[in-house]
PDB file of all heavy atoms in Angstrom:
ATOM      1  N   ILE A   1       2.920 -10.300   4.278  1.00  0.00           N
ATOM      2  CA  ILE A   1       1.668 -11.022   4.107  1.00  0.00           C
ATOM      3  C   ILE A   1       0.493 -10.052   4.165  1.00  0.00           C
ATOM      4  O   ILE A   1      -0.447 -10.129   3.365  1.00  0.00           O
ATOM      5  CB  ILE A   1       1.527 -12.121   5.185  1.00  0.00           C
ATOM      6  CG1 ILE A   1       2.622 -13.169   5.004  1.00  0.00           C
ATOM      7  CG2 ILE A   1       0.162 -12.779   5.117  1.00  0.00           C
ATOM      8  CD1 ILE A   1       2.707 -14.179   6.132  1.00  0.00           C
ATOM      9  N   SER A   2       0.548  -9.121   5.097  1.00  0.00           N
ATOM     10  CA  SER A   2      -0.496  -8.104   5.192  1.00  0.00           C
ATOM     11  C   SER A   2      -0.530  -7.253   3.926  1.00  0.00           C
ATOM     12  O   SER A   2      -1.604  -6.891   3.429  1.00  0.00           O
ATOM     13  CB  SER A   2      -0.258  -7.210   6.414  1.00  0.00           C
ATOM     14  OG  SER A   2      -0.333  -7.946   7.605  1.00  0.00           O
ATOM     15  N   ALA A   3       0.658  -6.928   3.401  1.00  0.00           N
ATOM     16  CA  ALA A   3       0.734  -6.126   2.181  1.00  0.00           C
ATOM     17  C   ALA A   3       0.080  -6.843   1.004  1.00  0.00           C
ATOM     18  O   ALA A   3      -0.538  -6.205   0.142  1.00  0.00           O
ATOM     19  CB  ALA A   3       2.194  -5.808   1.858  1.00  0.00           C
ATOM     20  N   TYR A   4       0.215  -8.163   0.964  1.00  0.00           N
ATOM     21  CA  TYR A   4      -0.431  -8.939  -0.086  1.00  0.00           C
ATOM     22  C   TYR A   4      -1.944  -8.747  -0.045  1.00  0.00           C
ATOM     23  O   TYR A   4      -2.598  -8.470  -1.051  1.00  0.00           O
ATOM     24  CB  TYR A   4      -0.076 -10.422   0.054  1.00  0.00           C
ATOM     25  CG  TYR A   4      -1.128 -11.361  -0.468  1.00  0.00           C
ATOM     26  CD1 TYR A   4      -1.488 -11.363  -1.806  1.00  0.00           C
ATOM     27  CD2 TYR A   4      -1.778 -12.249   0.385  1.00  0.00           C
ATOM     28  CE1 TYR A   4      -2.472 -12.214  -2.285  1.00  0.00           C
ATOM     29  CE2 TYR A   4      -2.748 -13.096  -0.075  1.00  0.00           C
ATOM     30  CZ  TYR A   4      -3.099 -13.078  -1.414  1.00  0.00           C
ATOM     31  OH  TYR A   4      -4.076 -13.917  -1.873  1.00  0.00           O
ATOM     32  N   PHE A   5      -2.525  -8.875   1.143  1.00  0.00           N
ATOM     33  CA  PHE A   5      -3.973  -8.728   1.267  1.00  0.00           C
ATOM     34  C   PHE A   5      -4.412  -7.289   1.009  1.00  0.00           C
ATOM     35  O   PHE A   5      -5.504  -7.048   0.491  1.00  0.00           O
ATOM     36  CB  PHE A   5      -4.438  -9.198   2.650  1.00  0.00           C
ATOM     37  CG  PHE A   5      -4.427 -10.688   2.802  1.00  0.00           C
ATOM     38  CD1 PHE A   5      -3.465 -11.313   3.578  1.00  0.00           C
ATOM     39  CD2 PHE A   5      -5.366 -11.480   2.155  1.00  0.00           C
ATOM     40  CE1 PHE A   5      -3.443 -12.691   3.717  1.00  0.00           C
ATOM     41  CE2 PHE A   5      -5.349 -12.861   2.279  1.00  0.00           C
ATOM     42  CZ  PHE A   5      -4.386 -13.469   3.059  1.00  0.00           C
ATOM     43  N   GLU A   6      -3.571  -6.339   1.367  1.00  0.00           N
ATOM     44  CA  GLU A   6      -3.893  -4.948   1.077  1.00  0.00           C
ATOM     45  C   GLU A   6      -3.966  -4.722  -0.430  1.00  0.00           C
ATOM     46  O   GLU A   6      -4.859  -4.030  -0.922  1.00  0.00           O
ATOM     47  CB  GLU A   6      -2.842  -4.035   1.708  1.00  0.00           C
ATOM     48  CG  GLU A   6      -2.936  -3.976   3.227  1.00  0.00           C
ATOM     49  CD  GLU A   6      -1.793  -3.197   3.849  1.00  0.00           C
ATOM     50  OE1 GLU A   6      -0.962  -2.664   3.084  1.00  0.00           O
ATOM     51  OE2 GLU A   6      -1.716  -3.125   5.091  1.00  0.00           O
ATOM     52  N   SER A   7      -3.021  -5.304  -1.169  1.00  0.00           N
ATOM     53  CA  SER A   7      -3.040  -5.184  -2.629  1.00  0.00           C
ATOM     54  C   SER A   7      -4.268  -5.860  -3.217  1.00  0.00           C
ATOM     55  O   SER A   7      -4.895  -5.351  -4.154  1.00  0.00           O
ATOM     56  CB  SER A   7      -1.774  -5.809  -3.237  1.00  0.00           C
ATOM     57  OG  SER A   7      -0.650  -5.046  -2.952  1.00  0.00           O
ATOM     58  N   LEU A   8      -4.602  -7.014  -2.664  1.00  0.00           N
ATOM     59  CA  LEU A   8      -5.774  -7.751  -3.152  1.00  0.00           C
ATOM     60  C   LEU A   8      -7.038  -6.919  -2.988  1.00  0.00           C
ATOM     61  O   LEU A   8      -7.836  -6.775  -3.927  1.00  0.00           O
ATOM     62  CB  LEU A   8      -5.895  -9.071  -2.390  1.00  0.00           C
ATOM     63  CG  LEU A   8      -6.972 -10.064  -2.837  1.00  0.00           C
ATOM     64  CD1 LEU A   8      -6.526 -11.485  -2.527  1.00  0.00           C
ATOM     65  CD2 LEU A   8      -8.311  -9.801  -2.149  1.00  0.00           C
ATOM     66  N   ILE A   9      -7.244  -6.355  -1.809  1.00  0.00           N
ATOM     67  CA  ILE A   9      -8.445  -5.550  -1.553  1.00  0.00           C
ATOM     68  C   ILE A   9      -8.406  -4.258  -2.357  1.00  0.00           C
ATOM     69  O   ILE A   9      -9.413  -3.841  -2.945  1.00  0.00           O
ATOM     70  CB  ILE A   9      -8.575  -5.264  -0.046  1.00  0.00           C
ATOM     71  CG1 ILE A   9      -8.850  -6.569   0.715  1.00  0.00           C
ATOM     72  CG2 ILE A   9      -9.690  -4.254   0.225  1.00  0.00           C
ATOM     73  CD1 ILE A   9      -8.803  -6.435   2.221  1.00  0.00           C
ATOM     74  N   ALA A  10      -7.235  -3.612  -2.419  1.00  0.00           N
ATOM     75  CA  ALA A  10      -7.113  -2.347  -3.147  1.00  0.00           C
ATOM     76  C   ALA A  10      -7.369  -2.522  -4.637  1.00  0.00           C
ATOM     77  O   ALA A  10      -7.825  -1.584  -5.307  1.00  0.00           O
ATOM     78  CB  ALA A  10      -5.734  -1.746  -2.920  1.00  0.00           C
ATOM     79  N   SER A  11      -7.108  -3.705  -5.162  1.00  0.00           N
ATOM     80  CA  SER A  11      -7.315  -3.934  -6.601  1.00  0.00           C
ATOM     81  C   SER A  11      -8.793  -3.859  -6.980  1.00  0.00           C
ATOM     82  O   SER A  11      -9.130  -3.725  -8.155  1.00  0.00           O
ATOM     83  CB  SER A  11      -6.732  -5.287  -7.015  1.00  0.00           C
ATOM     84  OG  SER A  11      -7.483  -6.362  -6.464  1.00  0.00           O
ATOM     85  N   TYR A  12      -9.685  -3.951  -5.981  1.00  0.00           N
ATOM     86  CA  TYR A  12     -11.122  -3.839  -6.239  1.00  0.00           C
ATOM     87  C   TYR A  12     -11.626  -2.401  -6.078  1.00  0.00           C
ATOM     88  O   TYR A  12     -12.797  -2.123  -6.328  1.00  0.00           O
ATOM     89  CB  TYR A  12     -11.906  -4.744  -5.283  1.00  0.00           C
ATOM     90  CG  TYR A  12     -11.802  -6.209  -5.609  1.00  0.00           C
ATOM     91  CD1 TYR A  12     -10.989  -7.046  -4.861  1.00  0.00           C
ATOM     92  CD2 TYR A  12     -12.513  -6.755  -6.676  1.00  0.00           C
ATOM     93  CE1 TYR A  12     -10.887  -8.398  -5.157  1.00  0.00           C
ATOM     94  CE2 TYR A  12     -12.427  -8.101  -6.977  1.00  0.00           C
ATOM     95  CZ  TYR A  12     -11.609  -8.923  -6.210  1.00  0.00           C
ATOM     96  OH  TYR A  12     -11.520 -10.265  -6.516  1.00  0.00           O
ATOM     97  N   LEU A  13     -10.749  -1.492  -5.626  1.00  0.00           N
ATOM     98  CA  LEU A  13     -11.155  -0.110  -5.393  1.00  0.00           C
ATOM     99  C   LEU A  13     -10.896   0.732  -6.637  1.00  0.00           C
ATOM    100  O   LEU A  13     -10.551   0.215  -7.697  1.00  0.00           O
ATOM    101  CB  LEU A  13     -10.415   0.442  -4.175  1.00  0.00           C
ATOM    102  CG  LEU A  13     -10.608  -0.357  -2.873  1.00  0.00           C
ATOM    103  CD1 LEU A  13      -9.806   0.283  -1.741  1.00  0.00           C
ATOM    104  CD2 LEU A  13     -12.079  -0.448  -2.497  1.00  0.00           C
ATOM    105  N   GLN A  14     -11.044   2.047  -6.495  1.00  0.00           N
ATOM    106  CA  GLN A  14     -10.910   2.949  -7.634  1.00  0.00           C
ATOM    107  C   GLN A  14      -9.504   2.919  -8.221  1.00  0.00           C
ATOM    108  O   GLN A  14      -8.541   2.526  -7.552  1.00  0.00           O
ATOM    109  CB  GLN A  14     -11.231   4.374  -7.177  1.00  0.00           C
ATOM    110  CG  GLN A  14     -10.247   4.920  -6.144  1.00  0.00           C
ATOM    111  CD  GLN A  14     -10.506   6.357  -5.775  1.00  0.00           C
ATOM    112  OE1 GLN A  14     -11.310   7.027  -6.402  1.00  0.00           O
ATOM    113  NE2 GLN A  14      -9.831   6.861  -4.751  1.00  0.00           N
ATOM    114  N   THR A  15      -9.397   3.361  -9.482  1.00  0.00           N
ATOM    115  CA  THR A  15      -8.089   3.470 -10.122  1.00  0.00           C
ATOM    116  C   THR A  15      -7.190   4.398  -9.306  1.00  0.00           C
ATOM    117  O   THR A  15      -7.609   5.483  -8.904  1.00  0.00           O
ATOM    118  CB  THR A  15      -8.234   4.034 -11.551  1.00  0.00           C
ATOM    119  OG1 THR A  15      -8.955   3.095 -12.344  1.00  0.00           O
ATOM    120  CG2 THR A  15      -6.873   4.278 -12.179  1.00  0.00           C
ATOM    121  N   GLY A  16      -5.991   3.978  -9.082  1.00  0.00           N
ATOM    122  CA  GLY A  16      -5.045   4.756  -8.289  1.00  0.00           C
ATOM    123  C   GLY A  16      -4.934   4.296  -6.848  1.00  0.00           C
ATOM    124  O   GLY A  16      -4.021   4.718  -6.135  1.00  0.00           O
ATOM    125  N   ALA A  17      -5.851   3.412  -6.405  1.00  0.00           N
ATOM    126  CA  ALA A  17      -5.820   2.970  -5.007  1.00  0.00           C
ATOM    127  C   ALA A  17      -4.535   2.204  -4.700  1.00  0.00           C
ATOM    128  O   ALA A  17      -3.882   2.441  -3.681  1.00  0.00           O
ATOM    129  CB  ALA A  17      -7.040   2.108  -4.703  1.00  0.00           C
ATOM    130  N   VAL A  18      -4.165   1.281  -5.585  1.00  0.00           N
ATOM    131  CA  VAL A  18      -2.947   0.493  -5.378  1.00  0.00           C
ATOM    132  C   VAL A  18      -1.721   1.404  -5.365  1.00  0.00           C
ATOM    133  O   VAL A  18      -0.827   1.275  -4.522  1.00  0.00           O
ATOM    134  CB  VAL A  18      -2.809  -0.596  -6.461  1.00  0.00           C
ATOM    135  CG1 VAL A  18      -1.480  -1.326  -6.305  1.00  0.00           C
ATOM    136  CG2 VAL A  18      -3.968  -1.586  -6.387  1.00  0.00           C
ATOM    137  N   ALA A  19      -1.692   2.351  -6.315  1.00  0.00           N
ATOM    138  CA  ALA A  19      -0.552   3.270  -6.389  1.00  0.00           C
ATOM    139  C   ALA A  19      -0.473   4.156  -5.148  1.00  0.00           C
ATOM    140  O   ALA A  19       0.605   4.362  -4.578  1.00  0.00           O
ATOM    141  CB  ALA A  19      -0.662   4.128  -7.650  1.00  0.00           C
ATOM    142  N   ASN A  20      -1.621   4.705  -4.722  1.00  0.00           N
ATOM    143  CA  ASN A  20      -1.619   5.586  -3.545  1.00  0.00           C
ATOM    144  C   ASN A  20      -1.177   4.849  -2.286  1.00  0.00           C
ATOM    145  O   ASN A  20      -0.436   5.394  -1.455  1.00  0.00           O
ATOM    146  CB  ASN A  20      -3.018   6.180  -3.334  1.00  0.00           C
ATOM    147  CG  ASN A  20      -3.272   7.378  -4.237  1.00  0.00           C
ATOM    148  OD1 ASN A  20      -2.342   8.088  -4.618  1.00  0.00           O
ATOM    149  ND2 ASN A  20      -4.521   7.600  -4.591  1.00  0.00           N
ATOM    150  N   ILE A  21      -1.635   3.607  -2.129  1.00  0.00           N
ATOM    151  CA  ILE A  21      -1.205   2.813  -0.978  1.00  0.00           C
ATOM    152  C   ILE A  21       0.298   2.573  -1.053  1.00  0.00           C
ATOM    153  O   ILE A  21       1.011   2.633  -0.046  1.00  0.00           O
ATOM    154  CB  ILE A  21      -1.967   1.481  -0.920  1.00  0.00           C
ATOM    155  CG1 ILE A  21      -3.411   1.737  -0.471  1.00  0.00           C
ATOM    156  CG2 ILE A  21      -1.299   0.493   0.030  1.00  0.00           C
ATOM    157  CD1 ILE A  21      -4.278   0.499  -0.449  1.00  0.00           C
ATOM    158  N   GLY A  22       0.797   2.329  -2.252  1.00  0.00           N
ATOM    159  CA  GLY A  22       2.237   2.123  -2.420  1.00  0.00           C
ATOM    160  C   GLY A  22       3.039   3.355  -2.056  1.00  0.00           C
ATOM    161  O   GLY A  22       4.054   3.266  -1.353  1.00  0.00           O
ATOM    162  N   TYR A  23       2.592   4.526  -2.526  1.00  0.00           N
ATOM    163  CA  TYR A  23       3.287   5.769  -2.177  1.00  0.00           C
ATOM    164  C   TYR A  23       3.245   6.004  -0.664  1.00  0.00           C
ATOM    165  O   TYR A  23       4.250   6.391  -0.054  1.00  0.00           O
ATOM    166  CB  TYR A  23       2.646   6.952  -2.898  1.00  0.00           C
ATOM    167  CG  TYR A  23       2.831   6.950  -4.393  1.00  0.00           C
ATOM    168  CD1 TYR A  23       1.751   7.144  -5.255  1.00  0.00           C
ATOM    169  CD2 TYR A  23       4.090   6.760  -4.959  1.00  0.00           C
ATOM    170  CE1 TYR A  23       1.910   7.141  -6.634  1.00  0.00           C
ATOM    171  CE2 TYR A  23       4.264   6.762  -6.343  1.00  0.00           C
ATOM    172  CZ  TYR A  23       3.166   6.950  -7.169  1.00  0.00           C
ATOM    173  OH  TYR A  23       3.332   6.947  -8.537  1.00  0.00           O
ATOM    174  N   ALA A  24       2.074   5.785  -0.066  1.00  0.00           N
ATOM    175  CA  ALA A  24       1.933   6.006   1.378  1.00  0.00           C
ATOM    176  C   ALA A  24       2.795   5.031   2.172  1.00  0.00           C
ATOM    177  O   ALA A  24       3.416   5.412   3.169  1.00  0.00           O
ATOM    178  CB  ALA A  24       0.466   5.876   1.779  1.00  0.00           C
ATOM    179  N   GLN A  25       2.836   3.780   1.739  1.00  0.00           N
ATOM    180  CA  GLN A  25       3.623   2.786   2.469  1.00  0.00           C
ATOM    181  C   GLN A  25       5.112   3.083   2.395  1.00  0.00           C
ATOM    182  O   GLN A  25       5.857   2.782   3.336  1.00  0.00           O
ATOM    183  CB  GLN A  25       3.327   1.382   1.935  1.00  0.00           C
ATOM    184  CG  GLN A  25       1.996   0.830   2.405  1.00  0.00           C
ATOM    185  CD  GLN A  25       1.771  -0.584   1.950  1.00  0.00           C
ATOM    186  OE1 GLN A  25       2.376  -1.042   0.986  1.00  0.00           O
ATOM    187  NE2 GLN A  25       0.887  -1.290   2.629  1.00  0.00           N
ATOM    188  N   LEU A  26       5.532   3.665   1.291  1.00  0.00           N
ATOM    189  CA  LEU A  26       6.950   4.032   1.187  1.00  0.00           C
ATOM    190  C   LEU A  26       7.322   5.020   2.287  1.00  0.00           C
ATOM    191  O   LEU A  26       8.385   4.923   2.913  1.00  0.00           O
ATOM    192  CB  LEU A  26       7.240   4.638  -0.187  1.00  0.00           C
ATOM    193  CG  LEU A  26       8.712   4.915  -0.494  1.00  0.00           C
ATOM    194  CD1 LEU A  26       9.459   3.609  -0.707  1.00  0.00           C
ATOM    195  CD2 LEU A  26       8.850   5.806  -1.707  1.00  0.00           C
ATOM    196  N   LEU A  27       6.415   5.964   2.554  1.00  0.00           N
ATOM    197  CA  LEU A  27       6.641   6.919   3.630  1.00  0.00           C
ATOM    198  C   LEU A  27       6.408   6.290   4.999  1.00  0.00           C
ATOM    199  O   LEU A  27       7.196   6.474   5.925  1.00  0.00           O
ATOM    200  CB  LEU A  27       5.697   8.116   3.454  1.00  0.00           C
ATOM    201  CG  LEU A  27       6.178   9.247   2.545  1.00  0.00           C
ATOM    202  CD1 LEU A  27       5.015  10.166   2.174  1.00  0.00           C
ATOM    203  CD2 LEU A  27       7.275  10.051   3.217  1.00  0.00           C
ATOM    204  N   ALA A  28       5.303   5.538   5.111  1.00  0.00           N
ATOM    205  CA  ALA A  28       4.923   4.984   6.411  1.00  0.00           C
ATOM    206  C   ALA A  28       5.937   3.982   6.937  1.00  0.00           C
ATOM    207  O   ALA A  28       6.125   3.850   8.150  1.00  0.00           O
ATOM    208  CB  ALA A  28       3.547   4.341   6.318  1.00  0.00           C
ATOM    209  N   THR A  29       6.594   3.256   6.025  1.00  0.00           N
ATOM    210  CA  THR A  29       7.573   2.255   6.460  1.00  0.00           C
ATOM    211  C   THR A  29       8.971   2.843   6.654  1.00  0.00           C
ATOM    212  O   THR A  29       9.866   2.140   7.121  1.00  0.00           O
ATOM    213  CB  THR A  29       7.663   1.101   5.444  1.00  0.00           C
ATOM    214  OG1 THR A  29       7.989   1.633   4.142  1.00  0.00           O
ATOM    215  CG2 THR A  29       6.347   0.342   5.364  1.00  0.00           C
ATOM    216  N   LEU A  30       9.149   4.124   6.315  1.00  0.00           N
ATOM    217  CA  LEU A  30      10.478   4.733   6.492  1.00  0.00           C
ATOM    218  C   LEU A  30      10.920   4.722   7.955  1.00  0.00           C
ATOM    219  O   LEU A  30      12.033   4.282   8.255  1.00  0.00           O
ATOM    220  CB  LEU A  30      10.486   6.152   5.940  1.00  0.00           C
ATOM    221  CG  LEU A  30      11.791   6.938   6.177  1.00  0.00           C
ATOM    222  CD1 LEU A  30      12.966   6.258   5.485  1.00  0.00           C
ATOM    223  CD2 LEU A  30      11.652   8.378   5.690  1.00  0.00           C
ATOM    224  N   PRO A  31      10.092   5.188   8.908  1.00  0.00           N
ATOM    225  CA  PRO A  31      10.554   5.163  10.308  1.00  0.00           C
ATOM    226  C   PRO A  31      10.838   3.751  10.817  1.00  0.00           C
ATOM    227  O   PRO A  31      11.834   3.528  11.513  1.00  0.00           O
ATOM    228  CB  PRO A  31       9.380   5.799  11.076  1.00  0.00           C
ATOM    229  CG  PRO A  31       8.636   6.593  10.062  1.00  0.00           C
ATOM    230  CD  PRO A  31       8.769   5.831   8.788  1.00  0.00           C
ATOM    231  N   SER A  32       9.970   2.784  10.454  1.00  0.00           N
ATOM    232  CA  SER A  32      10.191   1.415  10.929  1.00  0.00           C
ATOM    233  C   SER A  32      11.425   0.808  10.288  1.00  0.00           C
ATOM    234  O   SER A  32      12.145   0.028  10.924  1.00  0.00           O
ATOM    235  CB  SER A  32       8.961   0.550  10.651  1.00  0.00           C
ATOM    236  OG  SER A  32       8.657   0.524   9.277  1.00  0.00           O
ATOM    237  N   SER A  33      11.697   1.166   9.033  1.00  0.00           N
ATOM    238  CA  SER A  33      12.893   0.641   8.367  1.00  0.00           C
ATOM    239  C   SER A  33      14.151   1.341   8.857  1.00  0.00           C
ATOM    240  O   SER A  33      15.159   0.697   9.169  1.00  0.00           O
ATOM    241  CB  SER A  33      12.771   0.817   6.851  1.00  0.00           C
ATOM    242  OG  SER A  33      11.699   0.070   6.339  1.00  0.00           O
ATOM    243  N   LEU A  34      14.078   2.665   8.930  1.00  0.00           N
ATOM    244  CA  LEU A  34      15.259   3.446   9.284  1.00  0.00           C
ATOM    245  C   LEU A  34      15.642   3.265  10.746  1.00  0.00           C
ATOM    246  O   LEU A  34      16.810   3.053  11.076  1.00  0.00           O
ATOM    247  CB  LEU A  34      15.003   4.930   8.988  1.00  0.00           C
ATOM    248  CG  LEU A  34      16.150   5.903   9.245  1.00  0.00           C
ATOM    249  CD1 LEU A  34      17.380   5.506   8.447  1.00  0.00           C
ATOM    250  CD2 LEU A  34      15.722   7.316   8.900  1.00  0.00           C
TER     251      LEU A  34
END
């Protein structure tokens, strides 16, 4: 649910914001997932 709102807000930011958040979350969620 939080990720949904992050995407919503990021869609109003500069080009690449959604992609950068996605790349970062892939790394950031690795410890919590693993």
